[in-house]
Amino acid sequence: MTAAPDLPLRPAARGHAPFKIVSWNLLRRTGAAVDDVAALIAQEKPDLLLMQEATRAIGFLLDRIGGHYAWAPLPGRIHGLAMWSPEPWPAPPRVITLPSGALVHRVCQILDLGEFGVANVHLSHGQMLNRRQLRRIVTELPPRAAVLGDYNIVGPALIPGFRDVGPRRPTHAMVDVLPLRLDRCLARGLICHAHDVLPRGPSDHRPIVVHLGPAPEAHAPGRFKGMAAAVARLRRADGSAGRGRRGPPG
């Protein structure tokens, strides 16, 4: 794997050097704690760490190692999404609400790094619902963007314009038996220079690592803006058609 620099910089200041992102589902309460997260940062030196199932206690990371941290709890839950970076962000991450299931209401963190955007996700288990959530997320992203986290998706994500560029090895074992690749990275306008799956540690998920940089065609952002706009129009048209087909209640 390509080694990350000791003092990571924001993409705008890095030229086109690969940007190292680590994503880890911590497993709330019984999984990775602050010490485990701090150890992962010391080992990997990421430019950005994305976390899922992070509890309020993970915020003590700032007291341990400094840096910059943002937490977005899921509505009504003790855990949520979190981001950590050694360098300040151009702007704080936004939190958007996603289509929700019957039990858990989901949100997404979106960070604009200037050169590209990053979405931190922990999607629902329903295989139609989690793809609806992804379609909602990509309408909020800039032309160059990556979506990382716990997808809970089995099979391809099927999001137009995005490629699955992360590691292909399993990241989670259901009931310690069935290996699944739940933790993923989809990207548009970016290439992945290297990727890896790290040891699981105290969580039930293994962290994933990606090194992202602009794709050659990403230097013509108008093409991607047009494509993103076209996809958004198709989504709106599909939603309108669905409402038109819907019959009266009962």
Protein backbone atom coordinates (compact mmCIF):
# COMPACT_ATOMS: atom_id res chain seq x y z
CA MET A 1 0.00 0.00 0.00
CA THR A 2 1.09 3.58 -0.61
CA ALA A 3 2.27 5.19 2.61
CA ALA A 4 0.38 8.29 3.71
CA PRO A 5 2.37 11.40 4.65
CA ASP A 6 2.88 12.14 8.34
CA LEU A 7 1.11 15.51 8.05
CA PRO A 8 -1.88 15.08 5.72
CA LEU A 9 -3.19 18.16 3.94
CA ARG A 10 -6.60 19.01 2.54
CA PRO A 11 -7.03 17.97 -1.12
CA ALA A 12 -6.93 21.56 -2.36
CA ALA A 13 -3.42 21.92 -0.96
CA ARG A 14 -2.19 18.49 -2.09
CA GLY A 15 -2.38 18.82 -5.85
CA HIS A 16 -3.33 15.38 -7.10
CA ALA A 17 -1.63 13.28 -4.43
CA PRO A 18 -3.87 10.37 -3.35
CA PHE A 19 -6.08 11.10 -0.35
CA LYS A 20 -6.18 8.31 2.23
CA ILE A 21 -9.57 7.49 3.77
CA VAL A 22 -10.30 4.79 6.35
CA SER A 23 -13.87 3.67 7.13
CA TRP A 24 -14.80 1.53 10.14
CA ASN A 25 -18.06 0.37 11.71
CA LEU A 26 -17.08 0.44 15.39
CA LEU A 27 -19.94 -1.73 16.79
CA ARG A 28 -21.65 0.43 19.39
CA ARG A 29 -21.06 -0.21 23.11
CA THR A 30 -19.32 -3.59 22.82
CA GLY A 31 -16.96 -2.88 19.92
CA ALA A 32 -14.11 -0.46 19.29
CA ALA A 33 -13.56 2.23 21.93
CA VAL A 34 -11.58 5.47 21.88
CA ASP A 35 -8.27 3.67 22.50
CA ASP A 36 -8.89 1.35 19.55
CA VAL A 37 -9.73 4.25 17.23
CA ALA A 38 -6.67 6.22 18.38
CA ALA A 39 -4.49 3.16 17.75
CA LEU A 40 -5.91 2.79 14.23
CA ILE A 41 -5.17 6.44 13.47
CA ALA A 42 -1.62 6.11 14.80
CA GLN A 43 -1.07 3.04 12.63
CA GLU A 44 -2.70 4.19 9.39
CA LYS A 45 -2.33 8.00 9.55
CA PRO A 46 -5.42 8.65 7.42
CA ASP A 47 -6.28 11.99 5.90
CA LEU A 48 -9.88 11.23 6.88
CA LEU A 49 -11.43 8.62 9.16
CA LEU A 50 -15.10 7.74 8.75
CA MET A 51 -16.91 5.87 11.52
CA GLN A 52 -20.28 4.19 11.81
CA GLU A 53 -22.01 3.17 15.06
CA ALA A 54 -19.99 5.79 16.91
CA THR A 55 -21.34 6.69 20.35
CA ARG A 56 -20.91 10.01 22.15
CA ALA A 57 -17.88 8.58 23.98
CA ILE A 58 -15.88 8.45 20.73
CA GLY A 59 -15.79 12.25 20.89
CA PHE A 60 -13.13 11.95 23.61
CA LEU A 61 -10.82 11.19 20.68
CA LEU A 62 -10.14 14.93 20.52
CA ASP A 63 -8.73 14.87 24.06
CA ARG A 64 -6.45 11.97 23.14
CA ILE A 65 -5.01 12.99 19.78
CA GLY A 66 -6.52 16.34 18.79
CA GLY A 67 -7.63 16.92 15.22
CA HIS A 68 -11.14 17.76 14.04
CA TYR A 69 -14.27 15.72 14.75
CA ALA A 70 -17.96 15.75 13.82
CA TRP A 71 -20.67 13.41 15.15
CA ALA A 72 -24.15 12.89 13.70
CA PRO A 73 -26.25 10.57 15.91
CA LEU A 74 -29.12 8.68 14.33
CA PRO A 75 -32.48 10.03 15.53
CA GLY A 76 -33.49 8.29 18.74
CA ARG A 77 -30.33 6.13 18.91
CA ILE A 78 -27.20 6.23 21.05
CA HIS A 79 -24.92 5.90 18.04
CA GLY A 80 -24.43 7.44 14.63
CA LEU A 81 -21.91 8.59 12.07
CA ALA A 82 -18.63 10.35 12.84
CA MET A 83 -15.69 11.87 10.97
CA TRP A 84 -12.19 12.67 12.17
CA SER A 85 -9.38 14.51 10.37
CA PRO A 86 -5.96 15.78 11.45
CA GLU A 87 -6.54 18.98 9.46
CA PRO A 88 -9.45 21.47 9.50
CA TRP A 89 -12.15 21.05 6.87
CA PRO A 90 -13.08 23.79 4.40
CA ALA A 91 -16.58 23.66 5.97
CA PRO A 92 -18.26 21.42 8.58
CA PRO A 93 -19.90 18.27 7.19
CA ARG A 94 -23.58 18.50 6.33
CA VAL A 95 -26.11 16.01 7.66
CA ILE A 96 -28.98 14.93 5.41
CA THR A 97 -31.98 12.78 6.26
CA LEU A 98 -32.48 9.55 4.32
CA PRO A 99 -35.55 7.47 3.52
CA SER A 100 -36.09 5.47 6.70
CA GLY A 101 -37.30 2.04 7.62
CA ALA A 102 -39.88 1.16 10.25
CA LEU A 103 -37.41 1.00 13.17
CA VAL A 104 -34.27 3.02 12.45
CA HIS A 105 -34.16 6.52 10.96
CA ARG A 106 -31.01 7.06 8.93
CA VAL A 107 -28.86 10.09 8.16
CA CYS A 108 -25.77 10.70 6.05
CA GLN A 109 -22.74 12.93 6.63
CA ILE A 110 -21.47 14.79 3.56
CA LEU A 111 -18.09 16.54 3.59
CA ASP A 112 -17.00 18.89 0.81
CA LEU A 113 -13.22 18.79 0.61
CA GLY A 114 -13.03 21.25 -2.26
CA GLU A 115 -11.53 18.87 -4.81
CA PHE A 116 -14.21 16.22 -4.19
CA GLY A 117 -16.98 15.29 -1.78
CA VAL A 118 -17.19 12.38 0.65
CA ALA A 119 -20.37 10.79 2.02
CA ASN A 120 -20.23 8.72 5.21
CA VAL A 121 -23.04 6.14 5.28
CA HIS A 122 -24.60 3.42 7.38
CA LEU A 123 -27.47 2.21 5.24
CA SER A 124 -30.50 0.15 6.17
CA HIS A 125 -30.67 -3.64 5.85
CA GLY A 126 -33.59 -3.68 3.42
CA GLN A 127 -32.17 -4.29 -0.03
CA MET A 128 -34.58 -1.98 -1.82
CA LEU A 129 -34.49 0.67 0.90
CA ASN A 130 -30.71 0.92 1.09
CA ARG A 131 -30.51 1.48 -2.67
CA ARG A 132 -33.17 4.20 -2.37
CA GLN A 133 -31.02 5.80 0.31
CA LEU A 134 -28.00 5.72 -1.98
CA ARG A 135 -29.95 7.38 -4.77
CA ARG A 136 -30.94 10.13 -2.36
CA ILE A 137 -27.33 10.64 -1.27
CA VAL A 138 -25.83 10.97 -4.75
CA THR A 139 -28.20 13.84 -5.59
CA GLU A 140 -26.44 15.84 -2.85
CA LEU A 141 -22.89 15.18 -4.04
CA PRO A 142 -20.59 17.24 -6.27
CA PRO A 143 -19.43 15.88 -9.66
CA ARG A 144 -16.37 14.24 -8.07
CA ALA A 145 -17.39 12.25 -5.03
CA ALA A 146 -16.99 9.05 -3.01
CA VAL A 147 -19.50 7.23 -0.82
CA LEU A 148 -17.97 5.08 1.93
CA GLY A 149 -19.22 3.15 4.91
CA ASP A 150 -21.40 0.23 5.90
CA TYR A 151 -23.73 -0.32 2.94
CA ASN A 152 -25.53 -3.42 4.24
CA ILE A 153 -25.96 -4.21 0.55
CA VAL A 154 -25.68 -7.70 -0.92
CA GLY A 155 -24.81 -7.64 -4.60
CA PRO A 156 -24.15 -4.59 -6.80
CA ALA A 157 -25.31 -1.15 -5.69
CA LEU A 158 -26.46 -0.14 -9.21
CA ILE A 159 -25.90 3.62 -8.91
CA PRO A 160 -25.40 5.24 -12.36
CA GLY A 161 -22.10 7.05 -12.79
CA PHE A 162 -20.44 5.48 -9.74
CA ARG A 163 -17.91 2.64 -9.75
CA ASP A 164 -17.21 0.21 -6.93
CA VAL A 165 -13.52 0.99 -6.34
CA GLY A 166 -12.98 -0.34 -2.82
CA PRO A 167 -11.55 -3.67 -1.68
CA ARG A 168 -13.43 -6.80 -2.72
CA ARG A 169 -12.63 -8.94 0.31
CA PRO A 170 -15.31 -9.68 2.95
CA THR A 171 -15.51 -7.17 5.79
CA HIS A 172 -18.15 -8.77 8.03
CA ALA A 173 -19.08 -12.31 9.04
CA MET A 174 -22.78 -12.83 9.77
CA VAL A 175 -23.04 -14.89 12.96
CA ASP A 176 -19.30 -15.53 12.47
CA VAL A 177 -20.17 -17.87 9.58
CA LEU A 178 -21.24 -16.13 6.35
CA PRO A 179 -18.62 -13.65 5.06
CA LEU A 180 -20.10 -10.51 3.49
CA ARG A 181 -18.62 -7.43 1.81
CA LEU A 182 -20.77 -4.82 3.52
CA ASP A 183 -18.20 -2.03 3.78
CA ARG A 184 -17.62 -0.39 0.39
CA CYS A 185 -16.48 2.63 -1.56
CA LEU A 186 -18.33 3.91 -4.62
CA ALA A 187 -16.69 6.77 -6.53
CA ARG A 188 -17.46 9.14 -9.40
CA GLY A 189 -14.76 11.16 -11.12
CA LEU A 190 -12.10 9.55 -8.91
CA ILE A 191 -9.71 6.63 -9.17
CA CYS A 192 -8.54 4.39 -6.36
CA HIS A 193 -4.74 4.09 -6.34
CA ALA A 194 -4.71 1.46 -3.59
CA HIS A 195 -7.08 -0.23 -1.19
CA ASP A 196 -6.99 -2.72 1.66
CA VAL A 197 -9.03 -4.45 4.36
CA LEU A 198 -7.54 -4.17 7.84
CA PRO A 199 -7.75 -6.58 10.81
CA ARG A 200 -11.13 -6.54 12.52
CA GLY A 201 -10.03 -5.67 16.05
CA PRO A 202 -12.82 -5.54 18.68
CA SER A 203 -15.56 -4.71 16.15
CA ASP A 204 -17.61 -7.11 14.04
CA HIS A 205 -16.53 -5.18 10.91
CA ARG A 206 -13.09 -4.84 9.39
CA PRO A 207 -11.94 -1.33 8.46
CA ILE A 208 -11.40 -0.55 4.80
CA VAL A 209 -8.75 1.79 3.36
CA VAL A 210 -8.82 3.61 0.02
CA HIS A 211 -6.37 6.05 -1.59
CA LEU A 212 -8.38 8.30 -3.91
CA GLY A 213 -7.38 10.84 -6.54
CA PRO A 214 -8.97 12.60 -9.52
CA ALA A 215 -9.60 10.46 -12.59
CA PRO A 216 -8.16 11.87 -15.86
CA GLU A 217 -11.64 12.62 -17.19
CA ALA A 218 -12.46 14.47 -13.96
CA HIS A 219 -10.54 17.47 -15.33
CA ALA A 220 -13.62 18.16 -17.47
CA PRO A 221 -16.11 18.71 -14.62
CA GLY A 222 -18.86 19.91 -16.97
CA ARG A 223 -19.28 16.35 -18.18
CA PHE A 224 -19.88 15.09 -14.66
CA LYS A 225 -22.15 17.98 -13.76
CA GLY A 226 -24.26 17.21 -16.81
CA MET A 227 -24.37 13.54 -15.93
CA ALA A 228 -25.31 14.27 -12.30
CA ALA A 229 -28.05 16.64 -13.44
CA ALA A 230 -29.38 14.06 -15.90
CA VAL A 231 -29.50 11.40 -13.17
CA ALA A 232 -31.32 13.82 -10.86
CA ARG A 233 -33.89 14.58 -13.57
CA LEU A 234 -34.47 10.86 -14.12
CA ARG A 235 -35.01 10.36 -10.39
CA ARG A 236 -37.51 13.19 -10.22
CA ALA A 237 -39.33 11.91 -13.30
CA ASP A 238 -39.45 8.41 -11.85
CA GLY A 239 -40.88 9.74 -8.58
CA SER A 240 -43.52 11.77 -10.39
CA ALA A 241 -44.51 8.79 -12.52
CA GLY A 242 -44.77 6.64 -9.41
CA ARG A 243 -47.09 9.16 -7.75
CA GLY A 244 -49.21 9.32 -10.91
CA ARG A 245 -49.63 5.54 -10.95
CA ARG A 246 -50.58 5.34 -7.30
CA GLY A 247 -54.26 4.53 -6.80
CA PRO A 248 -56.55 5.86 -4.05
CA PRO A 249 -55.88 4.58 -0.51
CA GLY A 250 -57.67 1.54 0.78
